Amino acid sequence: MDNYQTTVVLRQYPDGEVIALMPDDVDPRDGTVTCYLHVGQHGAADYSHVIAATRVANMLAPEVIALRDELVAIGYNAKYRQRRDRRNRL
């Protein structure tokens, strides 16, 4: 497991797909953040767009638990938040 604690924001699309956003991992070239999904795994996402298109994920929902377990399995030491810290907003 990673010693670094990664801030993770879990959101859910209307179709039920869960996305994990890493709001502190910003690409300086385009402002996107790292994200993780079951299908496609790591990628880049526009934080504001994803927040607008999704709702807060229920941490006890089976699909959310599955994604959290997957993040642990690949080595993340996650610190879950509902949104990014104000001081880190772009």
PDB file of N, CA and C in Angstrom:
ATOM      1  N   MET A   1       0.841  -1.180   0.000  1.00  0.00           N
ATOM      2  CA  MET A   1       0.000   0.000   0.000  1.00  0.00           C
ATOM      3  C   MET A   1       0.887   1.244   0.000  1.00  0.00           C
ATOM      4  N   ASP A   2       0.401   2.245  -0.684  1.00  0.00           N
ATOM      5  CA  ASP A   2       1.093   3.518  -0.800  1.00  0.00           C
ATOM      6  C   ASP A   2       1.129   4.206   0.566  1.00  0.00           C
ATOM      7  N   ASN A   3       2.259   4.811   0.925  1.00  0.00           N
ATOM      8  CA  ASN A   3       2.356   5.575   2.170  1.00  0.00           C
ATOM      9  C   ASN A   3       1.694   6.939   2.039  1.00  0.00           C
ATOM     10  N   TYR A   4       1.672   7.465   0.812  1.00  0.00           N
ATOM     11  CA  TYR A   4       1.049   8.761   0.548  1.00  0.00           C
ATOM     12  C   TYR A   4      -0.472   8.597   0.573  1.00  0.00           C
ATOM     13  N   GLN A   5      -1.163   9.476   1.275  1.00  0.00           N
ATOM     14  CA  GLN A   5      -2.618   9.425   1.323  1.00  0.00           C
ATOM     15  C   GLN A   5      -3.185  10.268   0.189  1.00  0.00           C
ATOM     16  N   THR A   6      -3.899   9.617  -0.708  1.00  0.00           N
ATOM     17  CA  THR A   6      -4.479  10.269  -1.867  1.00  0.00           C
ATOM     18  C   THR A   6      -5.913  10.693  -1.569  1.00  0.00           C
ATOM     19  N   THR A   7      -6.221  11.967  -1.810  1.00  0.00           N
ATOM     20  CA  THR A   7      -7.596  12.437  -1.666  1.00  0.00           C
ATOM     21  C   THR A   7      -8.408  11.900  -2.833  1.00  0.00           C
ATOM     22  N   VAL A   8      -9.536  11.271  -2.525  1.00  0.00           N
ATOM     23  CA  VAL A   8     -10.395  10.682  -3.549  1.00  0.00           C
ATOM     24  C   VAL A   8     -11.822  11.180  -3.344  1.00  0.00           C
ATOM     25  N   VAL A   9     -12.424  11.660  -4.421  1.00  0.00           N
ATOM     26  CA  VAL A   9     -13.821  12.078  -4.426  1.00  0.00           C
ATOM     27  C   VAL A   9     -14.571  11.053  -5.265  1.00  0.00           C
ATOM     28  N   LEU A  10     -15.528  10.345  -4.654  1.00  0.00           N
ATOM     29  CA  LEU A  10     -16.315   9.340  -5.366  1.00  0.00           C
ATOM     30  C   LEU A  10     -17.644   9.943  -5.798  1.00  0.00           C
ATOM     31  N   ARG A  11     -17.946   9.799  -7.074  1.00  0.00           N
ATOM     32  CA  ARG A  11     -19.178  10.332  -7.645  1.00  0.00           C
ATOM     33  C   ARG A  11     -19.855   9.226  -8.453  1.00  0.00           C
ATOM     34  N   GLN A  12     -21.170   9.384  -8.674  1.00  0.00           N
ATOM     35  CA  GLN A  12     -21.913   8.370  -9.411  1.00  0.00           C
ATOM     36  C   GLN A  12     -22.738   9.027 -10.507  1.00  0.00           C
ATOM     37  N   TYR A  13     -22.595   8.468 -11.722  1.00  0.00           N
ATOM     38  CA  TYR A  13     -23.363   8.937 -12.872  1.00  0.00           C
ATOM     39  C   TYR A  13     -24.796   8.424 -12.763  1.00  0.00           C
ATOM     40  N   PRO A  14     -25.736   9.046 -13.479  1.00  0.00           N
ATOM     41  CA  PRO A  14     -27.129   8.594 -13.446  1.00  0.00           C
ATOM     42  C   PRO A  14     -27.311   7.114 -13.838  1.00  0.00           C
ATOM     43  N   ASP A  15     -26.422   6.583 -14.684  1.00  0.00           N
ATOM     44  CA  ASP A  15     -26.528   5.169 -15.083  1.00  0.00           C
ATOM     45  C   ASP A  15     -25.955   4.216 -14.033  1.00  0.00           C
ATOM     46  N   GLY A  16     -25.434   4.760 -12.929  1.00  0.00           N
ATOM     47  CA  GLY A  16     -24.908   3.935 -11.842  1.00  0.00           C
ATOM     48  C   GLY A  16     -23.405   3.773 -11.832  1.00  0.00           C
ATOM     49  N   GLU A  17     -22.731   4.166 -12.919  1.00  0.00           N
ATOM     50  CA  GLU A  17     -21.266   4.036 -12.964  1.00  0.00           C
ATOM     51  C   GLU A  17     -20.627   4.966 -11.930  1.00  0.00           C
ATOM     52  N   VAL A  18     -19.636   4.441 -11.238  1.00  0.00           N
ATOM     53  CA  VAL A  18     -18.945   5.198 -10.189  1.00  0.00           C
ATOM     54  C   VAL A  18     -17.580   5.630 -10.712  1.00  0.00           C
ATOM     55  N   ILE A  19     -17.221   6.865 -10.426  1.00  0.00           N
ATOM     56  CA  ILE A  19     -15.922   7.406 -10.819  1.00  0.00           C
ATOM     57  C   ILE A  19     -15.206   7.921  -9.575  1.00  0.00           C
ATOM     58  N   ALA A  20     -13.920   7.646  -9.521  1.00  0.00           N
ATOM     59  CA  ALA A  20     -13.069   8.160  -8.442  1.00  0.00           C
ATOM     60  C   ALA A  20     -12.228   9.287  -9.033  1.00  0.00           C
ATOM     61  N   LEU A  21     -12.352  10.464  -8.455  1.00  0.00           N
ATOM     62  CA  LEU A  21     -11.566  11.623  -8.879  1.00  0.00           C
ATOM     63  C   LEU A  21     -10.459  11.863  -7.863  1.00  0.00           C
ATOM     64  N   MET A  22      -9.268  12.157  -8.350  1.00  0.00           N
ATOM     65  CA  MET A  22      -8.145  12.505  -7.489  1.00  0.00           C
ATOM     66  C   MET A  22      -7.864  13.988  -7.698  1.00  0.00           C
ATOM     67  N   PRO A  23      -8.567  14.860  -6.976  1.00  0.00           N
ATOM     68  CA  PRO A  23      -8.519  16.298  -7.251  1.00  0.00           C
ATOM     69  C   PRO A  23      -7.185  16.972  -6.968  1.00  0.00           C
ATOM     70  N   ASP A  24      -6.315  16.334  -6.217  1.00  0.00           N
ATOM     71  CA  ASP A  24      -5.007  16.939  -5.942  1.00  0.00           C
ATOM     72  C   ASP A  24      -3.977  16.589  -7.006  1.00  0.00           C
ATOM     73  N   ASP A  25      -4.328  15.678  -7.912  1.00  0.00           N
ATOM     74  CA  ASP A  25      -3.418  15.257  -8.982  1.00  0.00           C
ATOM     75  C   ASP A  25      -3.855  15.944 -10.278  1.00  0.00           C
ATOM     76  N   VAL A  26      -3.449  17.204 -10.415  1.00  0.00           N
ATOM     77  CA  VAL A  26      -3.864  18.051 -11.539  1.00  0.00           C
ATOM     78  C   VAL A  26      -2.779  18.100 -12.598  1.00  0.00           C
ATOM     79  N   ASP A  27      -3.182  17.925 -13.860  1.00  0.00           N
ATOM     80  CA  ASP A  27      -2.254  18.056 -14.982  1.00  0.00           C
ATOM     81  C   ASP A  27      -2.077  19.548 -15.254  1.00  0.00           C
ATOM     82  N   PRO A  28      -0.868  20.080 -15.098  1.00  0.00           N
ATOM     83  CA  PRO A  28      -0.663  21.524 -15.272  1.00  0.00           C
ATOM     84  C   PRO A  28      -0.888  22.004 -16.709  1.00  0.00           C
ATOM     85  N   ARG A  29      -0.861  21.094 -17.674  1.00  0.00           N
ATOM     86  CA  ARG A  29      -1.036  21.498 -19.071  1.00  0.00           C
ATOM     87  C   ARG A  29      -2.483  21.847 -19.395  1.00  0.00           C
ATOM     88  N   ASP A  30      -3.442  21.073 -18.830  1.00  0.00           N
ATOM     89  CA  ASP A  30      -4.837  21.307 -19.209  1.00  0.00           C
ATOM     90  C   ASP A  30      -5.806  21.386 -18.032  1.00  0.00           C
ATOM     91  N   GLY A  31      -5.313  21.236 -16.810  1.00  0.00           N
ATOM     92  CA  GLY A  31      -6.165  21.374 -15.633  1.00  0.00           C
ATOM     93  C   GLY A  31      -7.021  20.167 -15.305  1.00  0.00           C
ATOM     94  N   THR A  32      -6.861  19.074 -16.053  1.00  0.00           N
ATOM     95  CA  THR A  32      -7.633  17.877 -15.743  1.00  0.00           C
ATOM     96  C   THR A  32      -7.060  17.190 -14.507  1.00  0.00           C
ATOM     97  N   VAL A  33      -7.880  16.350 -13.880  1.00  0.00           N
ATOM     98  CA  VAL A  33      -7.438  15.590 -12.717  1.00  0.00           C
ATOM     99  C   VAL A  33      -7.421  14.111 -13.077  1.00  0.00           C
ATOM    100  N   THR A  34      -6.656  13.338 -12.323  1.00  0.00           N
ATOM    101  CA  THR A  34      -6.637  11.896 -12.519  1.00  0.00           C
ATOM    102  C   THR A  34      -7.961  11.329 -12.048  1.00  0.00           C
ATOM    103  N   CYS A  35      -8.456  10.348 -12.802  1.00  0.00           N
ATOM    104  CA  CYS A  35      -9.684   9.663 -12.399  1.00  0.00           C
ATOM    105  C   CYS A  35      -9.471   8.163 -12.561  1.00  0.00           C
ATOM    106  N   TYR A  36     -10.382   7.390 -11.977  1.00  0.00           N
ATOM    107  CA  TYR A  36     -10.304   5.937 -12.071  1.00  0.00           C
ATOM    108  C   TYR A  36     -11.715   5.381 -12.150  1.00  0.00           C
ATOM    109  N   LEU A  37     -11.921   4.462 -13.102  1.00  0.00           N
ATOM    110  CA  LEU A  37     -13.189   3.771 -13.273  1.00  0.00           C
ATOM    111  C   LEU A  37     -12.896   2.284 -13.437  1.00  0.00           C
ATOM    112  N   HIS A  38     -13.901   1.432 -13.165  1.00  0.00           N
ATOM    113  CA  HIS A  38     -13.725  -0.008 -13.392  1.00  0.00           C
ATOM    114  C   HIS A  38     -13.308  -0.255 -14.839  1.00  0.00           C
ATOM    115  N   VAL A  39     -14.071   0.318 -15.761  1.00  0.00           N
ATOM    116  CA  VAL A  39     -13.784   0.152 -17.188  1.00  0.00           C
ATOM    117  C   VAL A  39     -12.905   1.319 -17.613  1.00  0.00           C
ATOM    118  N   GLY A  40     -11.760   1.029 -18.140  1.00  0.00           N
ATOM    119  CA  GLY A  40     -10.855   2.073 -18.583  1.00  0.00           C
ATOM    120  C   GLY A  40      -9.797   2.428 -17.560  1.00  0.00           C
ATOM    121  N   GLN A  41     -10.030   2.128 -16.328  1.00  0.00           N
ATOM    122  CA  GLN A  41      -9.149   2.395 -15.200  1.00  0.00           C
ATOM    123  C   GLN A  41      -8.679   3.834 -15.155  1.00  0.00           C
ATOM    124  N   HIS A  42      -7.374   4.120 -15.138  1.00  0.00           N
ATOM    125  CA  HIS A  42      -6.898   5.493 -14.973  1.00  0.00           C
ATOM    126  C   HIS A  42      -7.119   6.324 -16.234  1.00  0.00           C
ATOM    127  N   GLY A  43      -7.410   7.593 -16.005  1.00  0.00           N
ATOM    128  CA  GLY A  43      -7.586   8.520 -17.106  1.00  0.00           C
ATOM    129  C   GLY A  43      -7.547   9.940 -16.585  1.00  0.00           C
ATOM    130  N   ALA A  44      -7.977  10.863 -17.427  1.00  0.00           N
ATOM    131  CA  ALA A  44      -8.033  12.274 -17.062  1.00  0.00           C
ATOM    132  C   ALA A  44      -9.477  12.730 -17.150  1.00  0.00           C
ATOM    133  N   ALA A  45      -9.863  13.640 -16.255  1.00  0.00           N
ATOM    134  CA  ALA A  45     -11.240  14.133 -16.243  1.00  0.00           C
ATOM    135  C   ALA A  45     -11.273  15.616 -15.912  1.00  0.00           C
ATOM    136  N   ASP A  46     -12.259  16.288 -16.459  1.00  0.00           N
ATOM    137  CA  ASP A  46     -12.525  17.674 -16.112  1.00  0.00           C
ATOM    138  C   ASP A  46     -13.334  17.645 -14.821  1.00  0.00           C
ATOM    139  N   TYR A  47     -12.732  18.048 -13.732  1.00  0.00           N
ATOM    140  CA  TYR A  47     -13.343  17.946 -12.410  1.00  0.00           C
ATOM    141  C   TYR A  47     -14.721  18.617 -12.375  1.00  0.00           C
ATOM    142  N   SER A  48     -14.810  19.842 -12.830  1.00  0.00           N
ATOM    143  CA  SER A  48     -16.074  20.591 -12.768  1.00  0.00           C
ATOM    144  C   SER A  48     -17.165  19.918 -13.588  1.00  0.00           C
ATOM    145  N   HIS A  49     -16.807  19.402 -14.749  1.00  0.00           N
ATOM    146  CA  HIS A  49     -17.786  18.725 -15.600  1.00  0.00           C
ATOM    147  C   HIS A  49     -18.317  17.462 -14.919  1.00  0.00           C
ATOM    148  N   VAL A  50     -17.421  16.661 -14.350  1.00  0.00           N
ATOM    149  CA  VAL A  50     -17.851  15.431 -13.686  1.00  0.00           C
ATOM    150  C   VAL A  50     -18.740  15.754 -12.487  1.00  0.00           C
ATOM    151  N   ILE A  51     -18.372  16.753 -11.704  1.00  0.00           N
ATOM    152  CA  ILE A  51     -19.184  17.140 -10.546  1.00  0.00           C
ATOM    153  C   ILE A  51     -20.581  17.548 -10.999  1.00  0.00           C
ATOM    154  N   ALA A  52     -20.680  18.292 -12.094  1.00  0.00           N
ATOM    155  CA  ALA A  52     -21.982  18.746 -12.593  1.00  0.00           C
ATOM    156  C   ALA A  52     -22.823  17.593 -13.152  1.00  0.00           C
ATOM    157  N   ALA A  53     -22.176  16.572 -13.694  1.00  0.00           N
ATOM    158  CA  ALA A  53     -22.887  15.471 -14.357  1.00  0.00           C
ATOM    159  C   ALA A  53     -23.193  14.297 -13.431  1.00  0.00           C
ATOM    160  N   THR A  54     -22.739  14.360 -12.183  1.00  0.00           N
ATOM    161  CA  THR A  54     -22.875  13.230 -11.261  1.00  0.00           C
ATOM    162  C   THR A  54     -23.483  13.673  -9.942  1.00  0.00           C
ATOM    163  N   ARG A  55     -23.679  12.680  -9.065  1.00  0.00           N
ATOM    164  CA  ARG A  55     -24.132  12.972  -7.706  1.00  0.00           C
ATOM    165  C   ARG A  55     -23.136  12.337  -6.739  1.00  0.00           C
ATOM    166  N   VAL A  56     -23.191  12.743  -5.486  1.00  0.00           N
ATOM    167  CA  VAL A  56     -22.327  12.156  -4.463  1.00  0.00           C
ATOM    168  C   VAL A  56     -22.632  10.668  -4.381  1.00  0.00           C
ATOM    169  N   ALA A  57     -21.598   9.851  -4.375  1.00  0.00           N
ATOM    170  CA  ALA A  57     -21.770   8.404  -4.308  1.00  0.00           C
ATOM    171  C   ALA A  57     -22.101   7.971  -2.880  1.00  0.00           C
ATOM    172  N   ASN A  58     -23.043   7.053  -2.760  1.00  0.00           N
ATOM    173  CA  ASN A  58     -23.385   6.456  -1.468  1.00  0.00           C
ATOM    174  C   ASN A  58     -22.276   5.476  -1.118  1.00  0.00           C
ATOM    175  N   MET A  59     -21.505   5.771  -0.080  1.00  0.00           N
ATOM    176  CA  MET A  59     -20.331   4.966   0.275  1.00  0.00           C
ATOM    177  C   MET A  59     -20.681   3.523   0.640  1.00  0.00           C
ATOM    178  N   LEU A  60     -21.954   3.226   0.902  1.00  0.00           N
ATOM    179  CA  LEU A  60     -22.363   1.876   1.277  1.00  0.00           C
ATOM    180  C   LEU A  60     -22.975   1.093   0.113  1.00  0.00           C
ATOM    181  N   ALA A  61     -23.103   1.735  -1.048  1.00  0.00           N
ATOM    182  CA  ALA A  61     -23.659   1.049  -2.217  1.00  0.00           C
ATOM    183  C   ALA A  61     -22.662  -0.002  -2.721  1.00  0.00           C
ATOM    184  N   PRO A  62     -23.154  -1.159  -3.161  1.00  0.00           N
ATOM    185  CA  PRO A  62     -22.260  -2.239  -3.608  1.00  0.00           C
ATOM    186  C   PRO A  62     -21.280  -1.818  -4.703  1.00  0.00           C
ATOM    187  N   GLU A  63     -21.728  -1.017  -5.670  1.00  0.00           N
ATOM    188  CA  GLU A  63     -20.842  -0.607  -6.761  1.00  0.00           C
ATOM    189  C   GLU A  63     -19.748   0.340  -6.258  1.00  0.00           C
ATOM    190  N   VAL A  64     -20.054   1.125  -5.230  1.00  0.00           N
ATOM    191  CA  VAL A  64     -19.063   2.034  -4.641  1.00  0.00           C
ATOM    192  C   VAL A  64     -18.049   1.226  -3.825  1.00  0.00           C
ATOM    193  N   ILE A  65     -18.542   0.282  -3.053  1.00  0.00           N
ATOM    194  CA  ILE A  65     -17.648  -0.588  -2.276  1.00  0.00           C
ATOM    195  C   ILE A  65     -16.714  -1.348  -3.203  1.00  0.00           C
ATOM    196  N   ALA A  66     -17.231  -1.817  -4.342  1.00  0.00           N
ATOM    197  CA  ALA A  66     -16.402  -2.547  -5.303  1.00  0.00           C
ATOM    198  C   ALA A  66     -15.270  -1.670  -5.837  1.00  0.00           C
ATOM    199  N   LEU A  67     -15.571  -0.409  -6.144  1.00  0.00           N
ATOM    200  CA  LEU A  67     -14.528   0.485  -6.651  1.00  0.00           C
ATOM    201  C   LEU A  67     -13.525   0.820  -5.557  1.00  0.00           C
ATOM    202  N   ARG A  68     -14.016   1.032  -4.340  1.00  0.00           N
ATOM    203  CA  ARG A  68     -13.100   1.297  -3.220  1.00  0.00           C
ATOM    204  C   ARG A  68     -12.162   0.111  -3.002  1.00  0.00           C
ATOM    205  N   ASP A  69     -12.705  -1.104  -3.052  1.00  0.00           N
ATOM    206  CA  ASP A  69     -11.879  -2.307  -2.909  1.00  0.00           C
ATOM    207  C   ASP A  69     -10.844  -2.407  -4.017  1.00  0.00           C
ATOM    208  N   GLU A  70     -11.244  -2.032  -5.226  1.00  0.00           N
ATOM    209  CA  GLU A  70     -10.317  -2.062  -6.360  1.00  0.00           C
ATOM    210  C   GLU A  70      -9.181  -1.056  -6.167  1.00  0.00           C
ATOM    211  N   LEU A  71      -9.505   0.125  -5.658  1.00  0.00           N
ATOM    212  CA  LEU A  71      -8.468   1.132  -5.403  1.00  0.00           C
ATOM    213  C   LEU A  71      -7.462   0.624  -4.367  1.00  0.00           C
ATOM    214  N   VAL A  72      -7.946  -0.034  -3.330  1.00  0.00           N
ATOM    215  CA  VAL A  72      -7.062  -0.614  -2.314  1.00  0.00           C
ATOM    216  C   VAL A  72      -6.203  -1.716  -2.937  1.00  0.00           C
ATOM    217  N   ALA A  73      -6.814  -2.540  -3.772  1.00  0.00           N
ATOM    218  CA  ALA A  73      -6.101  -3.664  -4.389  1.00  0.00           C
ATOM    219  C   ALA A  73      -4.942  -3.201  -5.277  1.00  0.00           C
ATOM    220  N   ILE A  74      -5.089  -2.022  -5.895  1.00  0.00           N
ATOM    221  CA  ILE A  74      -4.001  -1.538  -6.752  1.00  0.00           C
ATOM    222  C   ILE A  74      -3.027  -0.642  -5.989  1.00  0.00           C
ATOM    223  N   GLY A  75      -3.252  -0.483  -4.668  1.00  0.00           N
ATOM    224  CA  GLY A  75      -2.253   0.186  -3.841  1.00  0.00           C
ATOM    225  C   GLY A  75      -2.578   1.561  -3.314  1.00  0.00           C
ATOM    226  N   TYR A  76      -3.779   2.062  -3.571  1.00  0.00           N
ATOM    227  CA  TYR A  76      -4.125   3.392  -3.071  1.00  0.00           C
ATOM    228  C   TYR A  76      -4.361   3.388  -1.569  1.00  0.00           C
ATOM    229  N   ASN A  77      -3.885   4.422  -0.913  1.00  0.00           N
ATOM    230  CA  ASN A  77      -4.189   4.710   0.488  1.00  0.00           C
ATOM    231  C   ASN A  77      -5.085   5.950   0.422  1.00  0.00           C
ATOM    232  N   ALA A  78      -6.391   5.715   0.262  1.00  0.00           N
ATOM    233  CA  ALA A  78      -7.324   6.792  -0.055  1.00  0.00           C
ATOM    234  C   ALA A  78      -7.876   7.484   1.181  1.00  0.00           C
ATOM    235  N   LYS A  79      -8.035   8.796   1.024  1.00  0.00           N
ATOM    236  CA  LYS A  79      -8.710   9.646   2.016  1.00  0.00           C
ATOM    237  C   LYS A  79      -9.942  10.176   1.281  1.00  0.00           C
ATOM    238  N   TYR A  80     -11.128   9.672   1.628  1.00  0.00           N
ATOM    239  CA  TYR A  80     -12.342  10.007   0.895  1.00  0.00           C
ATOM    240  C   TYR A  80     -12.935  11.320   1.361  1.00  0.00           C
ATOM    241  N   ARG A  81     -13.320  12.149   0.379  1.00  0.00           N
ATOM    242  CA  ARG A  81     -13.948  13.441   0.614  1.00  0.00           C
ATOM    243  C   ARG A  81     -15.144  13.566  -0.316  1.00  0.00           C
ATOM    244  N   GLN A  82     -16.069  14.475  -0.007  1.00  0.00           N
ATOM    245  CA  GLN A  82     -17.207  14.704  -0.896  1.00  0.00           C
ATOM    246  C   GLN A  82     -16.875  15.707  -1.993  1.00  0.00           C
ATOM    247  N   ARG A  83     -15.874  16.514  -1.759  1.00  0.00           N
ATOM    248  CA  ARG A  83     -15.436  17.481  -2.774  1.00  0.00           C
ATOM    249  C   ARG A  83     -13.993  17.856  -2.477  1.00  0.00           C
ATOM    250  N   ARG A  84     -13.370  18.514  -3.440  1.00  0.00           N
ATOM    251  CA  ARG A  84     -11.967  18.894  -3.217  1.00  0.00           C
ATOM    252  C   ARG A  84     -11.885  20.047  -2.220  1.00  0.00           C
ATOM    253  N   ASP A  85     -10.758  20.153  -1.590  1.00  0.00           N
ATOM    254  CA  ASP A  85     -10.484  21.194  -0.615  1.00  0.00           C
ATOM    255  C   ASP A  85     -10.523  22.550  -1.325  1.00  0.00           C
ATOM    256  N   ARG A  86     -11.140  23.542  -0.716  1.00  0.00           N
ATOM    257  CA  ARG A  86     -11.262  24.869  -1.335  1.00  0.00           C
ATOM    258  C   ARG A  86      -9.928  25.464  -1.765  1.00  0.00           C
ATOM    259  N   ARG A  87      -8.904  25.222  -1.003  1.00  0.00           N
ATOM    260  CA  ARG A  87      -7.602  25.822  -1.342  1.00  0.00           C
ATOM    261  C   ARG A  87      -6.993  25.195  -2.587  1.00  0.00           C
ATOM    262  N   ASN A  88      -7.530  24.059  -3.038  1.00  0.00           N
ATOM    263  CA  ASN A  88      -7.006  23.402  -4.229  1.00  0.00           C
ATOM    264  C   ASN A  88      -7.838  23.664  -5.470  1.00  0.00           C
ATOM    265  N   ARG A  89      -8.833  24.520  -5.376  1.00  0.00           N
ATOM    266  CA  ARG A  89      -9.650  24.811  -6.545  1.00  0.00           C
ATOM    267  C   ARG A  89      -8.837  25.586  -7.555  1.00  0.00           C
ATOM    268  N   LEU A  90      -9.125  25.293  -8.813  1.00  0.00           N
ATOM    269  CA  LEU A  90      -8.382  25.963  -9.908  1.00  0.00           C
ATOM    270  C   LEU A  90      -8.954  27.335 -10.168  1.00  0.00           C
TER     271      LEU A  90
END
